[in-house]
Amino acid sequence: MNQERDNQGPTGKDAEYPDLPDTSSWQPRK
């Protein structure tokens, strides 16, 4: 569990897709 990841944004989906700007309009890569 890295604290740096939490600093970048919310955990969960955003953690798996840090490239995305936010989870409000996130989409899984295909």
PDB file of N, CA and C in Angstrom:
ATOM      1  N   MET A   1       0.850  -1.208   0.000  1.00  0.00           N
ATOM      2  CA  MET A   1       0.000   0.000   0.000  1.00  0.00           C
ATOM      3  C   MET A   1       0.884   1.256   0.000  1.00  0.00           C
ATOM      4  N   ASN A   2       0.949   1.915  -1.136  1.00  0.00           N
ATOM      5  CA  ASN A   2       1.790   3.111  -1.240  1.00  0.00           C
ATOM      6  C   ASN A   2       0.983   4.377  -0.976  1.00  0.00           C
ATOM      7  N   GLN A   3       1.483   5.226  -0.083  1.00  0.00           N
ATOM      8  CA  GLN A   3       0.774   6.475   0.214  1.00  0.00           C
ATOM      9  C   GLN A   3       0.800   7.407  -0.986  1.00  0.00           C
ATOM     10  N   GLU A   4       1.841   7.281  -1.817  1.00  0.00           N
ATOM     11  CA  GLU A   4       1.950   8.165  -2.987  1.00  0.00           C
ATOM     12  C   GLU A   4       0.740   7.986  -3.894  1.00  0.00           C
ATOM     13  N   ARG A   5       0.253   6.750  -3.996  1.00  0.00           N
ATOM     14  CA  ARG A   5      -0.893   6.492  -4.877  1.00  0.00           C
ATOM     15  C   ARG A   5      -2.134   7.200  -4.331  1.00  0.00           C
ATOM     16  N   ASP A   6      -2.283   7.208  -3.011  1.00  0.00           N
ATOM     17  CA  ASP A   6      -3.450   7.872  -2.416  1.00  0.00           C
ATOM     18  C   ASP A   6      -3.396   9.381  -2.668  1.00  0.00           C
ATOM     19  N   ASN A   7      -2.189   9.927  -2.676  1.00  0.00           N
ATOM     20  CA  ASN A   7      -2.049  11.374  -2.863  1.00  0.00           C
ATOM     21  C   ASN A   7      -2.513  11.792  -4.260  1.00  0.00           C
ATOM     22  N   GLN A   8      -2.337  10.905  -5.228  1.00  0.00           N
ATOM     23  CA  GLN A   8      -2.701  11.268  -6.598  1.00  0.00           C
ATOM     24  C   GLN A   8      -4.221  11.331  -6.760  1.00  0.00           C
ATOM     25  N   GLY A   9      -4.955  10.509  -6.042  1.00  0.00           N
ATOM     26  CA  GLY A   9      -6.410  10.538  -6.175  1.00  0.00           C
ATOM     27  C   GLY A   9      -7.048   9.416  -5.374  1.00  0.00           C
ATOM     28  N   PRO A  10      -8.329   9.220  -5.556  1.00  0.00           N
ATOM     29  CA  PRO A  10      -9.074   8.188  -4.828  1.00  0.00           C
ATOM     30  C   PRO A  10      -8.563   6.794  -5.172  1.00  0.00           C
ATOM     31  N   THR A  11      -8.766   5.862  -4.253  1.00  0.00           N
ATOM     32  CA  THR A  11      -8.288   4.496  -4.487  1.00  0.00           C
ATOM     33  C   THR A  11      -9.371   3.661  -5.172  1.00  0.00           C
ATOM     34  N   GLY A  12      -9.010   2.456  -5.588  1.00  0.00           N
ATOM     35  CA  GLY A  12     -10.007   1.599  -6.250  1.00  0.00           C
ATOM     36  C   GLY A  12      -9.817   1.614  -7.752  1.00  0.00           C
ATOM     37  N   LYS A  13     -10.847   2.011  -8.481  1.00  0.00           N
ATOM     38  CA  LYS A  13     -10.767   2.040  -9.951  1.00  0.00           C
ATOM     39  C   LYS A  13      -9.666   3.002 -10.404  1.00  0.00           C
ATOM     40  N   ASP A  14      -9.589   4.165  -9.769  1.00  0.00           N
ATOM     41  CA  ASP A  14      -8.599   5.160 -10.157  1.00  0.00           C
ATOM     42  C   ASP A  14      -7.180   4.618  -9.957  1.00  0.00           C
ATOM     43  N   ALA A  15      -7.028   3.757  -8.952  1.00  0.00           N
ATOM     44  CA  ALA A  15      -5.708   3.193  -8.671  1.00  0.00           C
ATOM     45  C   ALA A  15      -5.252   2.316  -9.838  1.00  0.00           C
ATOM     46  N   GLU A  16      -6.182   1.591 -10.427  1.00  0.00           N
ATOM     47  CA  GLU A  16      -5.837   0.711 -11.546  1.00  0.00           C
ATOM     48  C   GLU A  16      -5.634   1.517 -12.824  1.00  0.00           C
ATOM     49  N   TYR A  17      -6.281   2.677 -12.911  1.00  0.00           N
ATOM     50  CA  TYR A  17      -6.165   3.511 -14.117  1.00  0.00           C
ATOM     51  C   TYR A  17      -5.710   4.922 -13.749  1.00  0.00           C
ATOM     52  N   PRO A  18      -4.447   5.061 -13.298  1.00  0.00           N
ATOM     53  CA  PRO A  18      -3.935   6.367 -12.870  1.00  0.00           C
ATOM     54  C   PRO A  18      -3.805   7.342 -14.035  1.00  0.00           C
ATOM     55  N   ASP A  19      -3.760   6.798 -15.269  1.00  0.00           N
ATOM     56  CA  ASP A  19      -3.601   7.665 -16.446  1.00  0.00           C
ATOM     57  C   ASP A  19      -4.833   8.546 -16.648  1.00  0.00           C
ATOM     58  N   LEU A  20      -5.993   8.072 -16.183  1.00  0.00           N
ATOM     59  CA  LEU A  20      -7.223   8.836 -16.393  1.00  0.00           C
ATOM     60  C   LEU A  20      -7.264  10.037 -15.457  1.00  0.00           C
ATOM     61  N   PRO A  21      -7.916  11.130 -15.874  1.00  0.00           N
ATOM     62  CA  PRO A  21      -7.989  12.365 -15.096  1.00  0.00           C
ATOM     63  C   PRO A  21      -8.801  12.193 -13.813  1.00  0.00           C
ATOM     64  N   ASP A  22      -9.913  11.466 -13.899  1.00  0.00           N
ATOM     65  CA  ASP A  22     -10.744  11.288 -12.702  1.00  0.00           C
ATOM     66  C   ASP A  22     -11.677  10.094 -12.895  1.00  0.00           C
ATOM     67  N   THR A  23     -12.318   9.639 -11.823  1.00  0.00           N
ATOM     68  CA  THR A  23     -13.182   8.455 -11.890  1.00  0.00           C
ATOM     69  C   THR A  23     -14.589   8.826 -12.351  1.00  0.00           C
ATOM     70  N   SER A  24     -14.870  10.126 -12.450  1.00  0.00           N
ATOM     71  CA  SER A  24     -16.225  10.553 -12.817  1.00  0.00           C
ATOM     72  C   SER A  24     -16.578  10.047 -14.217  1.00  0.00           C
ATOM     73  N   SER A  25     -15.575  10.003 -15.118  1.00  0.00           N
ATOM     74  CA  SER A  25     -15.866   9.551 -16.482  1.00  0.00           C
ATOM     75  C   SER A  25     -14.815   8.529 -16.904  1.00  0.00           C
ATOM     76  N   TRP A  26     -14.476   7.641 -15.985  1.00  0.00           N
ATOM     77  CA  TRP A  26     -13.426   6.648 -16.256  1.00  0.00           C
ATOM     78  C   TRP A  26     -13.999   5.519 -17.097  1.00  0.00           C
ATOM     79  N   GLN A  27     -13.131   4.923 -17.922  1.00  0.00           N
ATOM     80  CA  GLN A  27     -13.552   3.765 -18.720  1.00  0.00           C
ATOM     81  C   GLN A  27     -12.435   2.725 -18.756  1.00  0.00           C
ATOM     82  N   PRO A  28     -12.773   1.452 -18.589  1.00  0.00           N
ATOM     83  CA  PRO A  28     -11.772   0.374 -18.584  1.00  0.00           C
ATOM     84  C   PRO A  28     -11.101   0.215 -19.938  1.00  0.00           C
ATOM     85  N   ARG A  29      -9.793  -0.008 -19.920  1.00  0.00           N
ATOM     86  CA  ARG A  29      -9.085  -0.203 -21.195  1.00  0.00           C
ATOM     87  C   ARG A  29      -9.453  -1.546 -21.811  1.00  0.00           C
ATOM     88  N   LYS A  30      -9.467  -1.596 -23.137  1.00  0.00           N
ATOM     89  CA  LYS A  30      -9.802  -2.870 -23.794  1.00  0.00           C
ATOM     90  C   LYS A  30      -8.565  -3.461 -24.437  1.00  0.00           C
TER      91      LYS A  30
END
